[in-house]
Amino acid sequence: MSVLSLPECNIFGNLNSSQMVELQLNIRDMILATDLSLHKLILTSMEAHRKVLNKAFKGTKANQLSREKKVPAMCCIMKCSDLSNEIRPKDIAILWATRVNREFFAQSAKEKEMSLPLTPWIDPEKVVIEKEQINFITGLCMPLYKTLHSVFPTISPCIDQLKKNLVDWEWRLQEMTTREEAAKLSIRSVWEDDQEGTGKGGKDLSANLGNRANVSVKLGEKK
């Protein structure tokens, strides 16, 4: 913000007040879109507006869409970007999965050190990365990318790579365990935790995200 306060660096200097408000709302919504506890809320909203969005983006009327209609698509694009390690070529996807879980395991070690309740989905004694990756791709990433694909079909290569990576993780799991043993390894993932209520799919997603932001601020004030 200190950089933006300099006239020569203020890239928002030519926006009027209403445009500035919309920009601030967009930034807020895009940040909240990466919160996995809001995954179902965002996906439900995208599905509710899918036909309208598909028609608009196929033609030349996308710029005529209301902000309420645009936000679900914007949030889904942000979510797919946030999870894009899953659509990378196999070697890169494996590298990122390893790094992410290394970070999770470090948190788990800290929880043990501080005698805090252990978060099960990051406990290295319970997590099998191969199984977790399969859960994550099939339960969260694939539905998300397919929903976005219904509006933007040009992302087909992303889904193709996601399918290839899923096959690779399944092969890796089979190499280390039997089918029966693999079934017993199922654990509850972060994205499977209690989700924010989806309400009606047609409700204004941005308003729902704004409510979430207000709740977070109030909780922070109480601490």
Protein backbone atom coordinates (compact mmCIF):
# COMPACT_ATOMS: atom_id res chain seq x y z
CA MET A 1 0.00 0.00 0.00
CA SER A 2 2.92 2.35 0.66
CA VAL A 3 4.00 1.89 -2.96
CA LEU A 4 0.48 2.59 -4.23
CA SER A 5 0.43 5.80 -2.22
CA LEU A 6 3.07 7.20 -4.59
CA PRO A 7 1.34 8.98 -7.51
CA GLU A 8 3.74 7.51 -10.07
CA CYS A 9 3.06 3.97 -8.77
CA ASN A 10 -0.69 4.11 -8.14
CA ILE A 11 -2.06 1.82 -10.85
CA PHE A 12 -5.57 2.46 -9.54
CA GLY A 13 -5.29 6.23 -9.73
CA ASN A 14 -7.65 6.61 -12.70
CA LEU A 15 -10.50 4.57 -11.19
CA ASN A 16 -13.59 6.40 -10.02
CA SER A 17 -15.16 5.66 -6.64
CA SER A 18 -17.60 3.00 -7.89
CA GLN A 19 -14.84 1.23 -9.84
CA MET A 20 -12.62 1.33 -6.76
CA VAL A 21 -15.34 -0.30 -4.65
CA GLU A 22 -15.79 -3.05 -7.23
CA LEU A 23 -12.03 -3.62 -7.36
CA GLN A 24 -11.85 -3.97 -3.59
CA LEU A 25 -14.74 -6.44 -3.60
CA ASN A 26 -13.09 -8.45 -6.38
CA ILE A 27 -9.80 -8.64 -4.47
CA ARG A 28 -11.63 -9.72 -1.31
CA ASP A 29 -13.61 -12.40 -3.15
CA MET A 30 -10.56 -13.77 -4.98
CA ILE A 31 -8.66 -14.13 -1.70
CA LEU A 32 -11.57 -15.92 -0.05
CA ALA A 33 -11.96 -18.19 -3.10
CA THR A 34 -8.78 -20.02 -2.02
CA ASP A 35 -10.37 -21.03 1.32
CA LEU A 36 -11.20 -24.73 0.96
CA SER A 37 -13.97 -24.48 3.55
CA LEU A 38 -15.84 -22.37 0.97
CA HIS A 39 -15.33 -24.85 -1.87
CA LYS A 40 -18.90 -26.18 -2.02
CA LEU A 41 -20.37 -22.70 -1.72
CA ILE A 42 -18.40 -21.50 -4.74
CA LEU A 43 -18.96 -24.66 -6.79
CA THR A 44 -22.72 -24.59 -6.13
CA SER A 45 -22.90 -20.97 -7.22
CA MET A 46 -20.91 -21.69 -10.38
CA GLU A 47 -23.21 -24.57 -11.28
CA ALA A 48 -26.26 -22.39 -10.70
CA HIS A 49 -24.96 -19.76 -13.16
CA ARG A 50 -23.31 -22.18 -15.59
CA LYS A 51 -25.84 -21.93 -18.44
CA VAL A 52 -25.93 -18.13 -18.35
CA LEU A 53 -22.13 -17.93 -18.25
CA ASN A 54 -21.71 -20.49 -21.02
CA LYS A 55 -24.05 -18.57 -23.31
CA ALA A 56 -22.43 -15.23 -22.55
CA PHE A 57 -18.84 -16.38 -23.07
CA LYS A 58 -19.72 -18.27 -26.26
CA GLY A 59 -21.02 -15.05 -27.74
CA THR A 60 -19.99 -11.45 -27.31
CA LYS A 61 -22.04 -10.56 -24.25
CA ALA A 62 -19.63 -11.47 -21.46
CA ASN A 63 -18.98 -7.81 -20.73
CA GLN A 64 -22.73 -7.34 -20.21
CA LEU A 65 -22.90 -9.83 -17.35
CA SER A 66 -23.69 -8.47 -13.91
CA ARG A 67 -21.00 -8.71 -11.27
CA GLU A 68 -23.15 -11.28 -9.45
CA LYS A 69 -22.88 -13.56 -12.50
CA LYS A 70 -19.17 -12.95 -13.05
CA VAL A 71 -17.97 -13.61 -9.50
CA PRO A 72 -18.61 -17.41 -9.51
CA ALA A 73 -16.54 -17.77 -12.70
CA MET A 74 -13.80 -15.53 -11.31
CA CYS A 75 -13.70 -17.54 -8.08
CA CYS A 76 -13.52 -20.86 -9.94
CA ILE A 77 -10.68 -19.59 -12.11
CA MET A 78 -8.83 -18.45 -8.99
CA LYS A 79 -9.43 -21.82 -7.29
CA CYS A 80 -8.14 -23.72 -10.32
CA SER A 81 -5.07 -21.49 -10.38
CA ASP A 82 -4.53 -22.07 -6.66
CA LEU A 83 -4.66 -25.86 -7.21
CA SER A 84 -2.75 -25.83 -10.49
CA ASN A 85 0.04 -28.01 -9.13
CA GLU A 86 -2.35 -30.93 -9.72
CA ILE A 87 -2.45 -30.29 -13.50
CA ARG A 88 1.29 -29.98 -13.97
CA PRO A 89 3.31 -32.67 -15.77
CA LYS A 90 3.73 -35.74 -13.57
CA ASP A 91 7.23 -35.02 -12.24
CA ILE A 92 6.32 -31.46 -11.26
CA ALA A 93 2.99 -32.52 -9.74
CA ILE A 94 4.76 -35.13 -7.59
CA LEU A 95 7.35 -32.57 -6.50
CA TRP A 96 4.66 -30.13 -5.37
CA ALA A 97 2.64 -32.81 -3.60
CA THR A 98 5.79 -33.76 -1.69
CA ARG A 99 6.54 -30.15 -0.76
CA VAL A 100 2.98 -29.43 0.37
CA ASN A 101 2.88 -32.52 2.56
CA ARG A 102 6.31 -31.72 3.98
CA GLU A 103 4.85 -28.41 5.14
CA PHE A 104 1.80 -30.18 6.60
CA PHE A 105 4.00 -32.67 8.46
CA ALA A 106 6.09 -29.84 9.91
CA GLN A 107 2.89 -28.31 11.26
CA SER A 108 1.90 -31.67 12.74
CA ALA A 109 5.29 -31.93 14.47
CA LYS A 110 4.77 -28.47 15.93
CA GLU A 111 1.31 -29.45 17.19
CA LYS A 112 2.84 -32.42 19.00
CA GLU A 113 5.62 -30.27 20.41
CA MET A 114 3.09 -27.79 21.81
CA SER A 115 0.73 -30.54 23.05
CA LEU A 116 -2.06 -29.26 20.79
CA PRO A 117 -4.84 -31.44 19.31
CA LEU A 118 -3.43 -33.15 16.24
CA THR A 119 -4.95 -32.35 12.86
CA PRO A 120 -5.56 -35.86 11.40
CA TRP A 121 -5.12 -35.04 7.73
CA ILE A 122 -1.58 -33.74 8.28
CA ASP A 123 -0.39 -36.39 10.74
CA PRO A 124 2.43 -38.31 8.98
CA GLU A 125 1.53 -41.40 11.00
CA LYS A 126 -1.91 -41.47 9.36
CA VAL A 127 -1.42 -39.86 5.97
CA VAL A 128 -0.49 -41.82 2.86
CA ILE A 129 0.32 -39.21 0.23
CA GLU A 130 -0.75 -41.41 -2.69
CA LYS A 131 -4.18 -42.03 -1.16
CA GLU A 132 -4.59 -38.38 -0.18
CA GLN A 133 -3.76 -37.26 -3.71
CA ILE A 134 -6.37 -39.63 -5.16
CA ASN A 135 -8.98 -38.32 -2.72
CA PHE A 136 -8.08 -34.73 -3.51
CA ILE A 137 -8.18 -35.11 -7.29
CA THR A 138 -11.37 -37.17 -7.49
CA GLY A 139 -13.29 -35.39 -4.75
CA LEU A 140 -12.30 -31.76 -5.30
CA CYS A 141 -10.12 -30.99 -8.33
CA MET A 142 -11.91 -32.99 -11.01
CA PRO A 143 -15.43 -31.65 -10.25
CA LEU A 144 -14.01 -28.13 -10.06
CA TYR A 145 -12.15 -28.29 -13.37
CA LYS A 146 -15.06 -30.01 -15.13
CA THR A 147 -17.47 -27.33 -13.97
CA LEU A 148 -15.15 -24.61 -15.23
CA HIS A 149 -14.69 -26.58 -18.46
CA SER A 150 -18.46 -26.45 -19.06
CA VAL A 151 -18.07 -22.68 -19.46
CA PHE A 152 -14.52 -22.51 -20.84
CA PRO A 153 -13.98 -25.69 -22.95
CA THR A 154 -10.47 -24.59 -23.94
CA ILE A 155 -9.17 -25.86 -20.58
CA SER A 156 -9.51 -29.45 -21.83
CA PRO A 157 -5.71 -29.99 -21.66
CA CYS A 158 -5.88 -29.26 -17.92
CA ILE A 159 -8.42 -32.03 -17.38
CA ASP A 160 -6.45 -34.43 -19.59
CA GLN A 161 -3.32 -33.92 -17.48
CA LEU A 162 -5.34 -34.22 -14.26
CA LYS A 163 -6.60 -37.62 -15.43
CA LYS A 164 -3.05 -38.73 -16.26
CA ASN A 165 -1.83 -37.69 -12.83
CA LEU A 166 -4.72 -39.52 -11.18
CA VAL A 167 -3.79 -42.73 -13.00
CA ASP A 168 -0.18 -42.31 -11.88
CA TRP A 169 -1.16 -41.83 -8.20
CA GLU A 170 -3.43 -44.90 -8.41
CA TRP A 171 -0.57 -46.93 -9.85
CA ARG A 172 1.76 -45.74 -7.09
CA LEU A 173 -0.76 -46.73 -4.43
CA GLN A 174 -1.23 -50.19 -5.97
CA GLU A 175 2.52 -50.69 -5.99
CA MET A 176 2.76 -50.14 -2.25
CA THR A 177 -0.37 -51.91 -1.01
CA THR A 178 -3.21 -54.28 -1.87
CA ARG A 179 -6.67 -53.04 -2.88
CA GLU A 180 -8.09 -54.08 0.52
CA GLU A 181 -5.32 -52.30 2.41
CA ALA A 182 -5.75 -49.21 0.26
CA ALA A 183 -9.44 -48.99 1.14
CA LYS A 184 -8.57 -48.94 4.84
CA LEU A 185 -6.23 -45.99 4.31
CA SER A 186 -9.08 -43.60 3.56
CA ILE A 187 -8.84 -40.52 5.78
CA ARG A 188 -10.81 -37.31 6.10
CA SER A 189 -9.17 -34.56 4.06
CA VAL A 190 -9.14 -30.83 4.66
CA TRP A 191 -11.61 -30.21 1.83
CA GLU A 192 -13.97 -32.77 3.38
CA ASP A 193 -14.25 -30.83 6.64
CA ASP A 194 -17.54 -29.11 7.42
CA GLN A 195 -18.25 -26.77 4.55
CA GLU A 196 -19.92 -23.40 4.67
CA GLY A 197 -23.66 -23.77 4.06
CA THR A 198 -24.36 -23.51 0.37
CA GLY A 199 -27.85 -22.08 0.73
CA LYS A 200 -29.58 -21.54 -2.59
CA GLY A 201 -27.33 -21.78 -5.58
CA GLY A 202 -28.75 -18.57 -7.04
CA LYS A 203 -27.80 -16.43 -4.06
CA ASP A 204 -25.20 -13.72 -4.56
CA LEU A 205 -21.87 -15.45 -4.03
CA SER A 206 -20.04 -12.20 -3.34
CA ALA A 207 -22.53 -11.32 -0.59
CA ASN A 208 -21.98 -14.74 1.00
CA LEU A 209 -18.21 -14.28 0.81
CA GLY A 210 -18.60 -10.83 2.33
CA ASN A 211 -20.51 -12.32 5.24
CA ARG A 212 -17.68 -14.80 5.74
CA ALA A 213 -15.13 -11.98 5.72
CA ASN A 214 -17.12 -10.04 8.32
CA VAL A 215 -17.33 -13.10 10.58
CA SER A 216 -13.56 -13.62 10.31
CA VAL A 217 -12.91 -10.00 11.25
CA LYS A 218 -15.20 -10.23 14.30
CA LEU A 219 -13.51 -13.43 15.44
CA GLY A 220 -10.13 -11.73 15.10
CA GLU A 221 -11.32 -8.78 17.20
CA LYS A 222 -12.37 -11.13 20.01
CA LYS A 223 -8.93 -12.74 20.29
